[in-house]
């Protein structure tokens, strides 16, 4: 859904109002110079995905899991033991033993499987973090766009209020206007300046929030505003819920359950004792022959059969299953809430665009025409223009909210699961 509205969405109405009461349009201040190229939404997403510190940390965790997997497949080291009995050379006994541990019960395979599942967990965590960062960038970018439009409107209103105060002062001096009207114009100017300060602070805060997603400096941040206002598409909730099983959160919960099951199998494998093969040689005295030593070491599982660790692992499997069910319920609720927010925001956009904005424009034109005919005062024109500017800002805020809700849906389902424009 597209509406042909230029980036300074209220500028056309404000300029027409200025012209209708005989005042020249406001002159916009030049943008702050910056060495950073203006950012589009796609460029901002790419920048955050490359430089976001949390994403980089998650990437290091994925790389670290490769070492864990390699270590899990390592076999136990053999032991070399050298014994010497006696101090006299003719009666001294020297024994050299090589002990080779042999893992039984599938411990190595279970250890590798647990490490592989842990690596899968890290990879899924990275994917989920990428979806979150992408959604945050989309929401923050549209917040900056809305803040820019509001800041422009506030500056136009300050200029308009100042010229209105000037015109009111001239008419008071000429005796054609009550001083009360001049006071009202002065109050309107003060209110417009306060709103301009608030809009400037809101714009600065939105830029800081956007730049923080790649640990950047917001002072030189310039975004490219879209030529048209594009609204997201509202897909049926049932269609979105059908994609929930493939959502990053559900995949993480499933991988966490598999990891716990792999750890339980590892603890069960550890109940089987390992054996050690002993091979060596022994010599008694300088002239005696070497004697071969063979042996087998077998632990006796009389007191420790790893029962406690097995029970702990099995209960944690039960916990992971319940956490998976809780995650599904939580994601369904969050998805439903985001869908409702998107539906509400789109309804607001439609209502404002079809009913409120046209009415505000008609009221502004009527007030300007009445002022020319002497039926209305200048303050009536200012009030009508303010209503038009506020209606335009409400539309921009609803557009930004629709993109925030759509970004939350994409975060919950994965960045490729939802398309803003089918």
Protein backbone atom coordinates (compact mmCIF):
# COMPACT_ATOMS: atom_id res chain seq x y z
CA UNK A 1 0.00 0.00 0.00
CA UNK A 2 1.53 3.29 -1.07
CA UNK A 3 0.50 6.91 -0.55
CA UNK A 4 2.10 9.56 -2.72
CA UNK A 5 3.31 11.88 0.03
CA UNK A 6 6.63 13.66 -0.15
CA UNK A 7 9.10 13.30 2.72
CA UNK A 8 8.35 16.72 4.28
CA UNK A 9 4.75 15.56 4.57
CA UNK A 10 3.26 18.74 6.05
CA UNK A 11 5.43 21.22 4.16
CA UNK A 12 3.02 21.57 1.26
CA UNK A 13 0.15 22.53 3.56
CA UNK A 14 2.25 24.90 5.62
CA UNK A 15 3.61 26.64 2.54
CA UNK A 16 0.12 27.05 1.12
CA UNK A 17 -1.10 28.48 4.42
CA UNK A 18 1.73 31.01 4.48
CA UNK A 19 0.92 32.09 0.94
CA UNK A 20 -2.79 32.35 1.65
CA UNK A 21 -2.27 34.92 4.42
CA UNK A 22 0.32 36.87 2.52
CA UNK A 23 3.44 35.52 4.22
CA UNK A 24 6.43 34.06 2.34
CA UNK A 25 7.29 30.39 2.96
CA UNK A 26 9.84 29.56 5.61
CA UNK A 27 13.44 29.07 4.62
CA UNK A 28 14.82 25.67 5.75
CA UNK A 29 18.17 25.58 7.41
CA UNK A 30 20.91 23.75 5.53
CA UNK A 31 21.59 20.24 6.81
CA UNK A 32 24.58 19.66 9.03
CA UNK A 33 27.59 18.72 6.99
CA UNK A 34 28.88 15.24 7.58
CA UNK A 35 31.47 12.94 6.14
CA UNK A 36 29.12 9.96 6.36
CA UNK A 37 27.15 9.15 3.21
CA UNK A 38 23.35 9.30 3.63
CA UNK A 39 22.07 5.91 4.71
CA UNK A 40 19.22 4.04 3.12
CA UNK A 41 17.34 1.44 5.12
CA UNK A 42 19.13 -1.43 3.39
CA UNK A 43 22.52 0.21 3.99
CA UNK A 44 21.70 0.73 7.66
CA UNK A 45 20.72 -2.94 8.02
CA UNK A 46 23.92 -4.08 6.32
CA UNK A 47 26.00 -1.78 8.53
CA UNK A 48 24.40 -3.07 11.71
CA UNK A 49 24.73 -6.71 10.68
CA UNK A 50 28.43 -6.13 10.07
CA UNK A 51 29.37 -3.97 13.05
CA UNK A 52 26.88 -4.70 15.82
CA UNK A 53 28.98 -5.68 18.89
CA UNK A 54 26.46 -8.24 20.12
CA UNK A 55 26.41 -9.93 16.73
CA UNK A 56 30.19 -10.01 16.62
CA UNK A 57 30.26 -11.60 20.07
CA UNK A 58 27.74 -14.23 18.92
CA UNK A 59 29.94 -14.90 15.90
CA UNK A 60 32.94 -15.49 18.15
CA UNK A 61 30.85 -17.96 20.15
CA UNK A 62 30.06 -19.89 16.98
CA UNK A 63 33.75 -19.99 16.10
CA UNK A 64 34.62 -21.13 19.62
CA UNK A 65 32.26 -24.09 19.29
CA UNK A 66 34.44 -25.45 16.51
CA UNK A 67 37.21 -25.86 19.05
CA UNK A 68 34.82 -27.51 21.49
CA UNK A 69 33.77 -30.00 18.83
CA UNK A 70 37.38 -30.82 17.99
CA UNK A 71 38.20 -31.27 21.66
CA UNK A 72 35.17 -33.52 22.19
CA UNK A 73 36.50 -35.93 19.58
CA UNK A 74 39.95 -36.19 21.15
CA UNK A 75 40.86 -39.54 22.64
CA UNK A 76 42.39 -39.80 26.12
CA UNK A 77 46.17 -39.61 26.29
CA UNK A 78 48.25 -42.69 27.23
CA UNK A 79 50.45 -42.55 30.31
CA UNK A 80 54.10 -43.52 30.52
CA UNK A 81 55.28 -44.64 33.96
CA UNK A 82 58.90 -45.41 34.99
CA UNK A 83 59.59 -47.19 38.31
CA UNK A 84 62.96 -47.89 39.89
CA UNK A 85 63.33 -50.03 43.03
CA UNK A 86 66.57 -50.20 44.97
CA UNK A 87 69.72 -48.10 44.96
CA UNK A 88 72.40 -50.73 44.27
CA UNK A 89 73.06 -51.39 40.61
CA UNK A 90 73.29 -55.17 40.96
CA UNK A 91 69.90 -55.47 42.69
CA UNK A 92 68.04 -52.52 41.25
CA UNK A 93 64.73 -53.23 39.45
CA UNK A 94 63.58 -50.94 36.66
CA UNK A 95 60.04 -51.09 35.27
CA UNK A 96 58.63 -49.09 32.33
CA UNK A 97 54.84 -49.14 31.88
CA UNK A 98 52.61 -47.68 29.18
CA UNK A 99 48.97 -47.31 30.22
CA UNK A 100 46.48 -46.94 27.35
CA UNK A 101 42.95 -45.84 28.40
CA UNK A 102 40.11 -47.42 26.43
CA UNK A 103 36.75 -45.63 26.51
CA UNK A 104 33.72 -47.90 26.63
CA UNK A 105 29.99 -47.30 26.51
CA UNK A 106 30.06 -44.87 23.57
CA UNK A 107 31.41 -41.95 25.61
CA UNK A 108 33.32 -40.39 22.74
CA UNK A 109 30.39 -40.53 20.34
CA UNK A 110 28.07 -39.08 23.00
CA UNK A 111 30.59 -36.35 23.77
CA UNK A 112 30.85 -35.41 20.08
CA UNK A 113 27.08 -35.36 19.72
CA UNK A 114 26.71 -33.05 22.75
CA UNK A 115 29.35 -30.69 21.39
CA UNK A 116 27.69 -30.69 17.97
CA UNK A 117 24.33 -29.82 19.53
CA UNK A 118 25.96 -27.03 21.52
CA UNK A 119 27.45 -25.65 18.31
CA UNK A 120 24.01 -25.75 16.70
CA UNK A 121 22.68 -23.78 19.66
CA UNK A 122 25.31 -21.11 19.13
CA UNK A 123 24.52 -20.88 15.40
CA UNK A 124 20.80 -20.53 16.08
CA UNK A 125 21.50 -17.87 18.70
CA UNK A 126 23.46 -15.95 16.09
CA UNK A 127 20.58 -16.21 13.60
CA UNK A 128 18.09 -15.04 16.21
CA UNK A 129 20.33 -12.11 17.12
CA UNK A 130 20.60 -11.17 13.44
CA UNK A 131 16.81 -11.15 13.15
CA UNK A 132 16.56 -9.00 16.29
CA UNK A 133 19.16 -6.50 15.06
CA UNK A 134 17.46 -6.29 11.67
CA UNK A 135 14.10 -5.59 13.31
CA UNK A 136 15.64 -2.98 15.61
CA UNK A 137 17.24 -1.20 12.65
CA UNK A 138 13.96 -1.12 10.71
CA UNK A 139 12.08 0.28 13.70
CA UNK A 140 14.79 2.82 14.55
CA UNK A 141 15.16 3.95 10.93
CA UNK A 142 11.45 4.69 10.58
CA UNK A 143 11.52 6.47 13.94
CA UNK A 144 14.24 8.75 12.56
CA UNK A 145 12.18 9.41 9.42
CA UNK A 146 9.14 10.33 11.52
CA UNK A 147 11.27 12.49 13.81
CA UNK A 148 12.72 14.33 10.82
CA UNK A 149 9.25 15.12 9.51
CA UNK A 150 8.11 16.28 12.93
CA UNK A 151 11.17 18.49 13.31
CA UNK A 152 10.48 20.08 9.93
CA UNK A 153 6.86 20.70 10.84
CA UNK A 154 7.85 22.26 14.15
CA UNK A 155 10.27 24.63 12.43
CA UNK A 156 7.57 25.62 9.95
CA UNK A 157 5.17 26.29 12.81
CA UNK A 158 7.75 28.44 14.62
CA UNK A 159 8.28 30.50 11.49
CA UNK A 160 4.55 30.79 10.90
CA UNK A 161 3.90 31.82 14.50
CA UNK A 162 6.62 34.46 14.32
CA UNK A 163 5.22 35.98 11.15
CA UNK A 164 1.74 35.86 12.64
CA UNK A 165 2.96 37.74 15.71
CA UNK A 166 4.60 40.30 13.45
CA UNK A 167 1.41 40.76 11.43
CA UNK A 168 -0.68 40.98 14.58
CA UNK A 169 1.61 43.70 15.98
CA UNK A 170 1.22 45.78 12.81
CA UNK A 171 -2.56 45.48 12.92
CA UNK A 172 -2.62 46.44 16.60
CA UNK A 173 -0.53 49.51 15.81
CA UNK A 174 -2.97 50.35 13.03
CA UNK A 175 -5.93 49.95 15.40
CA UNK A 176 -7.57 47.16 13.43
CA UNK A 177 -6.83 44.36 15.88
CA UNK A 178 -7.25 43.96 19.61
CA UNK A 179 -4.07 43.72 21.74
CA UNK A 180 -5.53 40.50 23.12
CA UNK A 181 -5.01 38.93 19.70
CA UNK A 182 -1.37 40.01 19.79
CA UNK A 183 -0.96 38.33 23.19
CA UNK A 184 -2.52 35.15 21.84
CA UNK A 185 -0.12 35.24 18.92
CA UNK A 186 2.82 35.65 21.31
CA UNK A 187 1.64 32.67 23.38
CA UNK A 188 1.23 30.61 20.20
CA UNK A 189 4.78 31.48 19.20
CA UNK A 190 6.12 30.37 22.59
CA UNK A 191 4.26 27.08 22.35
CA UNK A 192 5.59 26.50 18.85
CA UNK A 193 9.18 27.11 20.01
CA UNK A 194 8.75 24.61 22.85
CA UNK A 195 7.44 22.02 20.41
CA UNK A 196 10.40 22.70 18.13
CA UNK A 197 12.82 22.07 21.00
CA UNK A 198 11.04 18.84 21.88
CA UNK A 199 11.09 17.73 18.24
CA UNK A 200 14.82 18.45 17.97
CA UNK A 201 15.51 16.40 21.11
CA UNK A 202 13.34 13.56 19.85
CA UNK A 203 15.23 13.59 16.54
CA UNK A 204 18.57 13.49 18.35
CA UNK A 205 17.40 10.60 20.53
CA UNK A 206 16.17 8.61 17.53
CA UNK A 207 19.47 9.13 15.72
CA UNK A 208 21.40 7.98 18.78
CA UNK A 209 19.24 4.86 19.03
CA UNK A 210 19.80 4.03 15.37
CA UNK A 211 23.57 4.65 15.42
CA UNK A 212 23.94 2.59 18.61
CA UNK A 213 22.96 -0.52 16.65
CA UNK A 214 26.38 -0.45 14.99
CA UNK A 215 28.19 1.43 17.79
CA UNK A 216 28.37 4.48 15.55
CA UNK A 217 28.41 8.22 16.11
CA UNK A 218 24.98 9.79 15.75
CA UNK A 219 26.30 13.31 15.23
CA UNK A 220 27.04 12.73 11.55
CA UNK A 221 24.11 10.43 10.85
CA UNK A 222 22.00 11.33 7.81
CA UNK A 223 19.27 9.01 6.54
CA UNK A 224 17.70 8.89 3.10
CA UNK A 225 13.98 9.48 3.46
CA UNK A 226 11.75 7.50 1.10
CA UNK A 227 10.02 9.39 -1.70
CA UNK A 228 6.74 7.64 -0.93
CA UNK A 229 5.22 6.39 2.27
CA UNK A 230 5.07 2.60 1.97
CA UNK A 231 2.92 0.69 4.42
CA UNK A 232 3.51 -2.95 5.37
CA UNK A 233 1.12 -5.68 4.28
CA UNK A 234 -1.13 -7.22 6.92
CA UNK A 235 -1.03 -10.99 6.47
CA UNK A 236 -3.67 -13.20 8.14
CA UNK A 237 -2.74 -14.19 11.68
CA UNK A 238 -3.34 -17.89 10.95
CA UNK A 239 -0.82 -17.72 8.13
CA UNK A 240 1.76 -16.19 10.45
CA UNK A 241 1.07 -18.71 13.21
CA UNK A 242 1.65 -21.52 10.71
CA UNK A 243 5.25 -20.29 10.37
CA UNK A 244 5.87 -20.34 14.11
CA UNK A 245 7.50 -23.77 14.18
CA UNK A 246 10.33 -22.45 11.98
CA UNK A 247 10.76 -19.27 14.04
CA UNK A 248 14.20 -18.63 15.56
CA UNK A 249 12.85 -18.88 19.09
CA UNK A 250 11.24 -22.26 18.48
CA UNK A 251 14.32 -23.57 16.70
CA UNK A 252 16.43 -22.47 19.66
CA UNK A 253 14.09 -24.20 22.10
CA UNK A 254 14.21 -27.39 20.01
CA UNK A 255 18.00 -27.26 19.78
CA UNK A 256 18.23 -26.68 23.53
CA UNK A 257 16.11 -29.79 24.12
CA UNK A 258 18.32 -31.87 21.80
CA UNK A 259 21.41 -30.57 23.58
CA UNK A 260 19.99 -31.64 26.95
CA UNK A 261 19.12 -35.04 25.55
CA UNK A 262 22.66 -35.41 24.22
CA UNK A 263 24.06 -34.49 27.65
CA UNK A 264 21.78 -37.09 29.24
CA UNK A 265 23.09 -39.75 26.87
CA UNK A 266 26.64 -38.70 27.75
CA UNK A 267 25.97 -39.09 31.47
CA UNK A 268 24.40 -42.49 30.87
CA UNK A 269 27.46 -43.53 28.87
CA UNK A 270 29.70 -42.48 31.75
CA UNK A 271 28.08 -45.17 33.91
CA UNK A 272 30.10 -47.73 31.97
CA UNK A 273 33.62 -47.79 33.47
CA UNK A 274 36.60 -47.39 31.19
CA UNK A 275 39.46 -49.86 31.20
CA UNK A 276 43.18 -49.27 30.86
CA UNK A 277 45.57 -51.62 29.06
CA UNK A 278 49.05 -51.80 30.60
CA UNK A 279 52.08 -52.79 28.54
CA UNK A 280 55.66 -52.61 29.81
CA UNK A 281 59.02 -54.15 30.50
CA UNK A 282 60.91 -54.94 33.67
CA UNK A 283 64.63 -55.56 34.33
CA UNK A 284 66.24 -56.79 37.55
CA UNK A 285 69.94 -56.08 37.80
CA UNK A 286 72.33 -55.17 35.03
CA UNK A 287 72.68 -58.69 33.63
CA UNK A 288 69.06 -59.88 33.82
CA UNK A 289 66.87 -60.11 30.82
CA UNK A 290 63.88 -57.83 30.24
CA UNK A 291 60.55 -59.27 31.26
CA UNK A 292 57.32 -58.30 29.55
CA UNK A 293 54.63 -56.79 31.76
CA UNK A 294 51.00 -56.95 30.66
CA UNK A 295 48.04 -55.77 32.68
CA UNK A 296 44.46 -54.57 32.65
CA UNK A 297 43.02 -51.94 34.98
CA UNK A 298 39.24 -52.02 35.53
CA UNK A 299 37.49 -49.59 37.96
CA UNK A 300 34.93 -51.25 40.21
CA UNK A 301 31.69 -49.22 40.19
CA UNK A 302 30.80 -50.03 43.79
CA UNK A 303 30.17 -46.54 45.20
CA UNK A 304 29.86 -44.22 42.20
CA UNK A 305 27.70 -45.32 39.28
CA UNK A 306 27.03 -41.72 38.11
CA UNK A 307 23.39 -42.10 39.13
CA UNK A 308 23.12 -38.56 40.45
CA UNK A 309 24.48 -37.01 37.24
CA UNK A 310 22.12 -39.15 35.15
CA UNK A 311 19.13 -38.11 37.23
CA UNK A 312 20.17 -34.46 36.99
CA UNK A 313 20.51 -34.70 33.20
CA UNK A 314 17.13 -36.42 32.79
CA UNK A 315 15.33 -33.81 34.90
CA UNK A 316 16.95 -31.09 32.81
CA UNK A 317 15.57 -32.78 29.72
CA UNK A 318 12.11 -32.53 31.30
CA UNK A 319 12.79 -28.88 32.05
CA UNK A 320 13.82 -28.22 28.43
CA UNK A 321 10.60 -29.84 27.20
CA UNK A 322 8.51 -27.58 29.42
CA UNK A 323 10.57 -24.57 28.35
CA UNK A 324 9.87 -25.45 24.73
CA UNK A 325 6.13 -25.48 25.41
CA UNK A 326 6.40 -22.19 27.30
CA UNK A 327 8.38 -20.64 24.44
CA UNK A 328 5.69 -21.68 21.96
CA UNK A 329 2.98 -20.08 24.10
CA UNK A 330 5.04 -16.92 24.58
CA UNK A 331 5.80 -16.58 20.86
CA UNK A 332 2.14 -17.10 19.97
CA UNK A 333 1.15 -14.32 22.38
CA UNK A 334 3.84 -11.95 21.15
CA UNK A 335 2.99 -12.67 17.53
CA UNK A 336 -0.70 -12.01 18.20
CA UNK A 337 0.12 -8.73 19.93
CA UNK A 338 2.40 -7.57 17.11
CA UNK A 339 -0.26 -8.51 14.54
CA UNK A 340 -2.87 -6.52 16.48
CA UNK A 341 -0.53 -3.52 16.66
CA UNK A 342 0.05 -3.69 12.91
CA UNK A 343 -3.67 -3.94 12.19
CA UNK A 344 -4.38 -0.95 14.47
CA UNK A 345 -1.61 1.16 12.94
CA UNK A 346 -2.78 0.42 9.39
CA UNK A 347 -6.35 1.28 10.37
CA UNK A 348 -5.12 4.57 11.83
CA UNK A 349 -3.20 5.33 8.64
CA UNK A 350 -6.29 4.69 6.52
CA UNK A 351 -8.54 6.76 8.79
CA UNK A 352 -6.18 9.72 8.94
CA UNK A 353 -5.42 9.65 5.22
CA UNK A 354 -9.07 9.40 4.12
CA UNK A 355 -10.98 11.37 6.77
CA UNK A 356 -8.83 13.45 9.11
CA UNK A 357 -6.22 14.93 6.76
CA UNK A 358 -8.73 15.99 4.07
CA UNK A 359 -10.91 17.58 6.75
CA UNK A 360 -7.95 19.40 8.28
CA UNK A 361 -6.93 20.67 4.84
CA UNK A 362 -10.47 21.91 4.14
CA UNK A 363 -10.57 23.66 7.52
CA UNK A 364 -7.23 25.32 6.83
CA UNK A 365 -8.37 26.56 3.44
CA UNK A 366 -11.66 27.84 4.88
CA UNK A 367 -9.87 29.69 7.69
CA UNK A 368 -7.42 31.27 5.26
CA UNK A 369 -10.26 32.35 2.95
CA UNK A 370 -12.25 33.73 5.88
CA UNK A 371 -9.23 35.70 7.06
CA UNK A 372 -8.97 37.30 3.63
CA UNK A 373 -12.64 38.28 3.83
CA UNK A 374 -12.31 39.61 7.38
CA UNK A 375 -14.53 36.92 8.90
CA UNK A 376 -11.78 35.15 10.90
CA UNK A 377 -8.78 36.30 12.83
CA UNK A 378 -5.19 35.34 12.25
CA UNK A 379 -5.23 33.05 15.28
CA UNK A 380 -8.02 31.04 13.65
CA UNK A 381 -5.75 30.50 10.68
CA UNK A 382 -2.91 29.43 12.98
CA UNK A 383 -5.14 27.01 14.86
CA UNK A 384 -6.36 25.45 11.62
CA UNK A 385 -2.81 25.13 10.38
CA UNK A 386 -1.70 23.57 13.67
CA UNK A 387 -4.49 20.99 13.44
CA UNK A 388 -3.35 20.13 9.93
CA UNK A 389 0.27 19.76 11.06
CA UNK A 390 -0.72 17.62 14.05
CA UNK A 391 -2.88 15.40 11.84
CA UNK A 392 0.03 14.94 9.50
CA UNK A 393 2.30 14.00 12.41
CA UNK A 394 -0.29 11.51 13.65
CA UNK A 395 -0.19 9.91 10.22
CA UNK A 396 3.61 9.74 10.26
CA UNK A 397 3.59 8.27 13.76
CA UNK A 398 1.07 5.63 12.68
CA UNK A 399 3.25 4.78 9.67
CA UNK A 400 6.29 4.41 11.95
CA UNK A 401 4.29 2.25 14.36
CA UNK A 402 3.18 -0.01 11.52
CA UNK A 403 6.81 -0.58 10.53
CA UNK A 404 7.77 -1.24 14.16
CA UNK A 405 5.02 -3.84 14.46
CA UNK A 406 6.04 -5.41 11.15
CA UNK A 407 9.66 -5.49 12.33
CA UNK A 408 8.60 -7.29 15.51
CA UNK A 409 6.74 -9.88 13.43
CA UNK A 410 9.84 -10.37 11.30
CA UNK A 411 11.97 -10.70 14.45
CA UNK A 412 9.67 -13.37 15.85
CA UNK A 413 9.37 -15.38 12.64
CA UNK A 414 12.79 -14.73 11.14
CA UNK A 415 13.85 -11.98 8.79
CA UNK A 416 13.06 -14.00 5.64
CA UNK A 417 9.67 -15.21 6.84
CA UNK A 418 7.77 -11.98 6.32
CA UNK A 419 7.92 -9.74 3.32
CA UNK A 420 6.86 -6.13 3.61
CA UNK A 421 5.80 -6.00 -0.02
CA UNK A 422 4.54 -9.24 -1.59
